[in-house]
Amino acid sequence: MEKEAAFAWKQQDFTEEAMTVIVTAYCPCSICCGKSDGITKSGTLAKEQHTIAVDPDVIPLGSQVYLEGLGTFIAEDTGGAIKGNRIDIFMQDHNQALQFGIRKTKAYLINQKV
């Protein structure tokens, strides 16, 4: 219950409330992931413009998340450095992921998996 209170933006439907997040990018290479098979924590194959890595204590895996200015994604993966209000967007190319850099935006939870 305490987490629900701390993250009031977690609701079943999209609301105007948002969480400010730090967004980075990763690719399926061994540098970014320590492996190169592209398989996510949830067992799916990571897809560009679809997959994000999240802290499942903040955003449950399987949830649909709108990142302001970036689009709508599915929380399918986790990462060692992805803790708290950090999100990692999957990209197919390592250089593209590096060029993405570090951005700050607002995240809206559209549909939460329980």
C-alpha atoms as a PDB file:
ATOM      1  CA  MET A   1       0.000   0.000   0.000  1.00  0.00           C
ATOM      2  CA  GLU A   2       2.840   2.400   0.744  1.00  0.00           C
ATOM      3  CA  LYS A   3       4.143   2.141  -2.856  1.00  0.00           C
ATOM      4  CA  GLU A   4       0.679   2.975  -4.180  1.00  0.00           C
ATOM      5  CA  ALA A   5       0.656   6.128  -2.086  1.00  0.00           C
ATOM      6  CA  ALA A   6       4.184   7.070  -3.155  1.00  0.00           C
ATOM      7  CA  PHE A   7       3.313   6.628  -6.833  1.00  0.00           C
ATOM      8  CA  ALA A   8      -0.180   8.089  -7.054  1.00  0.00           C
ATOM      9  CA  TRP A   9       0.129   8.205 -10.863  1.00  0.00           C
ATOM     10  CA  LYS A  10      -0.248   4.395 -10.932  1.00  0.00           C
ATOM     11  CA  GLN A  11      -3.849   3.965 -11.968  1.00  0.00           C
ATOM     12  CA  GLN A  12      -5.647   1.621 -14.326  1.00  0.00           C
ATOM     13  CA  ASP A  13      -6.352   4.340 -16.879  1.00  0.00           C
ATOM     14  CA  PHE A  14      -4.288   7.219 -18.201  1.00  0.00           C
ATOM     15  CA  THR A  15      -4.519  10.265 -15.959  1.00  0.00           C
ATOM     16  CA  GLU A  16      -3.112  13.758 -16.111  1.00  0.00           C
ATOM     17  CA  GLU A  17      -0.734  12.892 -13.274  1.00  0.00           C
ATOM     18  CA  ALA A  18       2.766  12.023 -14.391  1.00  0.00           C
ATOM     19  CA  MET A  19       6.062  10.854 -13.007  1.00  0.00           C
ATOM     20  CA  THR A  20       9.236  12.645 -14.074  1.00  0.00           C
ATOM     21  CA  VAL A  21      11.725  10.056 -15.336  1.00  0.00           C
ATOM     22  CA  ILE A  22      15.280   9.905 -16.623  1.00  0.00           C
ATOM     23  CA  VAL A  23      15.358   8.107 -19.977  1.00  0.00           C
ATOM     24  CA  THR A  24      18.347   6.420 -21.592  1.00  0.00           C
ATOM     25  CA  ALA A  25      18.612   3.837 -24.377  1.00  0.00           C
ATOM     26  CA  TYR A  26      20.101   0.380 -24.823  1.00  0.00           C
ATOM     27  CA  CYS A  27      20.564  -2.189 -27.575  1.00  0.00           C
ATOM     28  CA  PRO A  28      20.821  -5.999 -27.574  1.00  0.00           C
ATOM     29  CA  CYS A  29      24.641  -6.029 -27.631  1.00  0.00           C
ATOM     30  CA  SER A  30      26.830  -7.552 -24.946  1.00  0.00           C
ATOM     31  CA  ILE A  31      28.093  -4.069 -23.956  1.00  0.00           C
ATOM     32  CA  CYS A  32      24.583  -2.877 -23.083  1.00  0.00           C
ATOM     33  CA  CYS A  33      23.080  -6.145 -21.844  1.00  0.00           C
ATOM     34  CA  GLY A  34      25.887  -8.555 -21.058  1.00  0.00           C
ATOM     35  CA  LYS A  35      24.327 -10.852 -23.695  1.00  0.00           C
ATOM     36  CA  SER A  36      23.179 -10.459 -27.278  1.00  0.00           C
ATOM     37  CA  ASP A  37      20.030 -12.554 -27.727  1.00  0.00           C
ATOM     38  CA  GLY A  38      17.549  -9.662 -27.410  1.00  0.00           C
ATOM     39  CA  ILE A  39      15.328 -11.614 -25.000  1.00  0.00           C
ATOM     40  CA  THR A  40      13.734  -9.441 -22.308  1.00  0.00           C
ATOM     41  CA  LYS A  41      13.101 -10.205 -18.637  1.00  0.00           C
ATOM     42  CA  SER A  42       9.476 -10.973 -19.538  1.00  0.00           C
ATOM     43  CA  GLY A  43      10.635 -13.509 -22.150  1.00  0.00           C
ATOM     44  CA  THR A  44       9.727 -11.503 -25.259  1.00  0.00           C
ATOM     45  CA  LEU A  45      12.036 -10.463 -28.069  1.00  0.00           C
ATOM     46  CA  ALA A  46      12.837  -6.753 -27.583  1.00  0.00           C
ATOM     47  CA  LYS A  47      11.464  -4.508 -30.338  1.00  0.00           C
ATOM     48  CA  GLU A  48      12.413  -0.971 -31.299  1.00  0.00           C
ATOM     49  CA  GLN A  49       9.684   1.656 -30.663  1.00  0.00           C
ATOM     50  CA  HIS A  50       7.997  -0.895 -28.369  1.00  0.00           C
ATOM     51  CA  THR A  51      10.180  -2.230 -25.525  1.00  0.00           C
ATOM     52  CA  ILE A  52      11.360  -0.363 -22.443  1.00  0.00           C
ATOM     53  CA  ALA A  53      13.279  -1.516 -19.393  1.00  0.00           C
ATOM     54  CA  VAL A  54      11.897  -0.392 -16.047  1.00  0.00           C
ATOM     55  CA  ASP A  55      12.209  -0.940 -12.324  1.00  0.00           C
ATOM     56  CA  PRO A  56       9.345  -3.413 -11.749  1.00  0.00           C
ATOM     57  CA  ASP A  57       8.894  -2.034  -8.215  1.00  0.00           C
ATOM     58  CA  VAL A  58       7.832   1.253  -9.846  1.00  0.00           C
ATOM     59  CA  ILE A  59       6.279   0.139 -13.159  1.00  0.00           C
ATOM     60  CA  PRO A  60       5.079  -3.476 -13.347  1.00  0.00           C
ATOM     61  CA  LEU A  61       6.303  -5.544 -16.295  1.00  0.00           C
ATOM     62  CA  GLY A  62       3.663  -5.689 -19.025  1.00  0.00           C
ATOM     63  CA  SER A  63       2.423  -2.156 -18.352  1.00  0.00           C
ATOM     64  CA  GLN A  64       1.834   0.299 -21.180  1.00  0.00           C
ATOM     65  CA  VAL A  65       3.682   3.588 -20.627  1.00  0.00           C
ATOM     66  CA  TYR A  66       3.464   6.864 -22.542  1.00  0.00           C
ATOM     67  CA  LEU A  67       6.721   8.847 -22.504  1.00  0.00           C
ATOM     68  CA  GLU A  68       6.054  12.474 -23.354  1.00  0.00           C
ATOM     69  CA  GLY A  69       7.688  13.388 -26.659  1.00  0.00           C
ATOM     70  CA  LEU A  70       8.835   9.808 -27.297  1.00  0.00           C
ATOM     71  CA  GLY A  71       5.713   7.658 -27.679  1.00  0.00           C
ATOM     72  CA  THR A  72       3.999   4.691 -26.090  1.00  0.00           C
ATOM     73  CA  PHE A  73       5.954   1.622 -25.009  1.00  0.00           C
ATOM     74  CA  ILE A  74       5.504  -1.685 -23.162  1.00  0.00           C
ATOM     75  CA  ALA A  75       7.506  -2.395 -19.991  1.00  0.00           C
ATOM     76  CA  GLU A  76       9.057  -5.741 -20.943  1.00  0.00           C
ATOM     77  CA  ASP A  77      12.580  -5.597 -19.563  1.00  0.00           C
ATOM     78  CA  THR A  78      14.648  -4.691 -16.504  1.00  0.00           C
ATOM     79  CA  GLY A  79      18.262  -3.636 -16.125  1.00  0.00           C
ATOM     80  CA  GLY A  80      20.912  -3.468 -13.444  1.00  0.00           C
ATOM     81  CA  ALA A  81      21.106   0.342 -13.616  1.00  0.00           C
ATOM     82  CA  ILE A  82      17.361   0.834 -14.081  1.00  0.00           C
ATOM     83  CA  LYS A  83      16.187   1.667 -10.580  1.00  0.00           C
ATOM     84  CA  GLY A  84      13.493   4.046  -9.382  1.00  0.00           C
ATOM     85  CA  ASN A  85      12.437   6.688 -11.886  1.00  0.00           C
ATOM     86  CA  ARG A  86      14.759   5.520 -14.682  1.00  0.00           C
ATOM     87  CA  ILE A  87      13.594   4.034 -17.978  1.00  0.00           C
ATOM     88  CA  ASP A  88      15.715   2.509 -20.754  1.00  0.00           C
ATOM     89  CA  ILE A  89      14.329   2.495 -24.324  1.00  0.00           C
ATOM     90  CA  PHE A  90      15.316  -0.418 -26.555  1.00  0.00           C
ATOM     91  CA  MET A  91      17.034   0.456 -29.836  1.00  0.00           C
ATOM     92  CA  GLN A  92      18.384  -1.967 -32.411  1.00  0.00           C
ATOM     93  CA  ASP A  93      21.703  -0.153 -32.961  1.00  0.00           C
ATOM     94  CA  HIS A  94      24.380   0.548 -30.333  1.00  0.00           C
ATOM     95  CA  ASN A  95      25.459   3.902 -31.818  1.00  0.00           C
ATOM     96  CA  GLN A  96      21.839   5.025 -31.987  1.00  0.00           C
ATOM     97  CA  ALA A  97      21.429   4.125 -28.303  1.00  0.00           C
ATOM     98  CA  LEU A  98      24.555   6.117 -27.397  1.00  0.00           C
ATOM     99  CA  GLN A  99      23.418   9.119 -29.447  1.00  0.00           C
ATOM    100  CA  PHE A 100      20.061   9.114 -27.648  1.00  0.00           C
ATOM    101  CA  GLY A 101      21.920  10.236 -24.539  1.00  0.00           C
ATOM    102  CA  ILE A 102      20.167  11.025 -21.265  1.00  0.00           C
ATOM    103  CA  ARG A 103      16.825  12.790 -21.298  1.00  0.00           C
ATOM    104  CA  LYS A 104      14.300  13.870 -18.718  1.00  0.00           C
ATOM    105  CA  THR A 105      10.593  13.558 -19.552  1.00  0.00           C
ATOM    106  CA  LYS A 106       7.235  12.708 -18.044  1.00  0.00           C
ATOM    107  CA  ALA A 107       5.888   9.164 -17.932  1.00  0.00           C
ATOM    108  CA  TYR A 108       2.199   8.326 -17.859  1.00  0.00           C
ATOM    109  CA  LEU A 109       1.053   4.828 -16.978  1.00  0.00           C
ATOM    110  CA  ILE A 110      -1.738   3.922 -19.415  1.00  0.00           C
ATOM    111  CA  ASN A 111      -2.461   0.332 -18.450  1.00  0.00           C
ATOM    112  CA  GLN A 112      -0.885  -1.366 -15.476  1.00  0.00           C
ATOM    113  CA  LYS A 113      -0.344  -5.107 -15.290  1.00  0.00           C
ATOM    114  CA  VAL A 114      -1.024  -6.532 -11.856  1.00  0.00           C
END
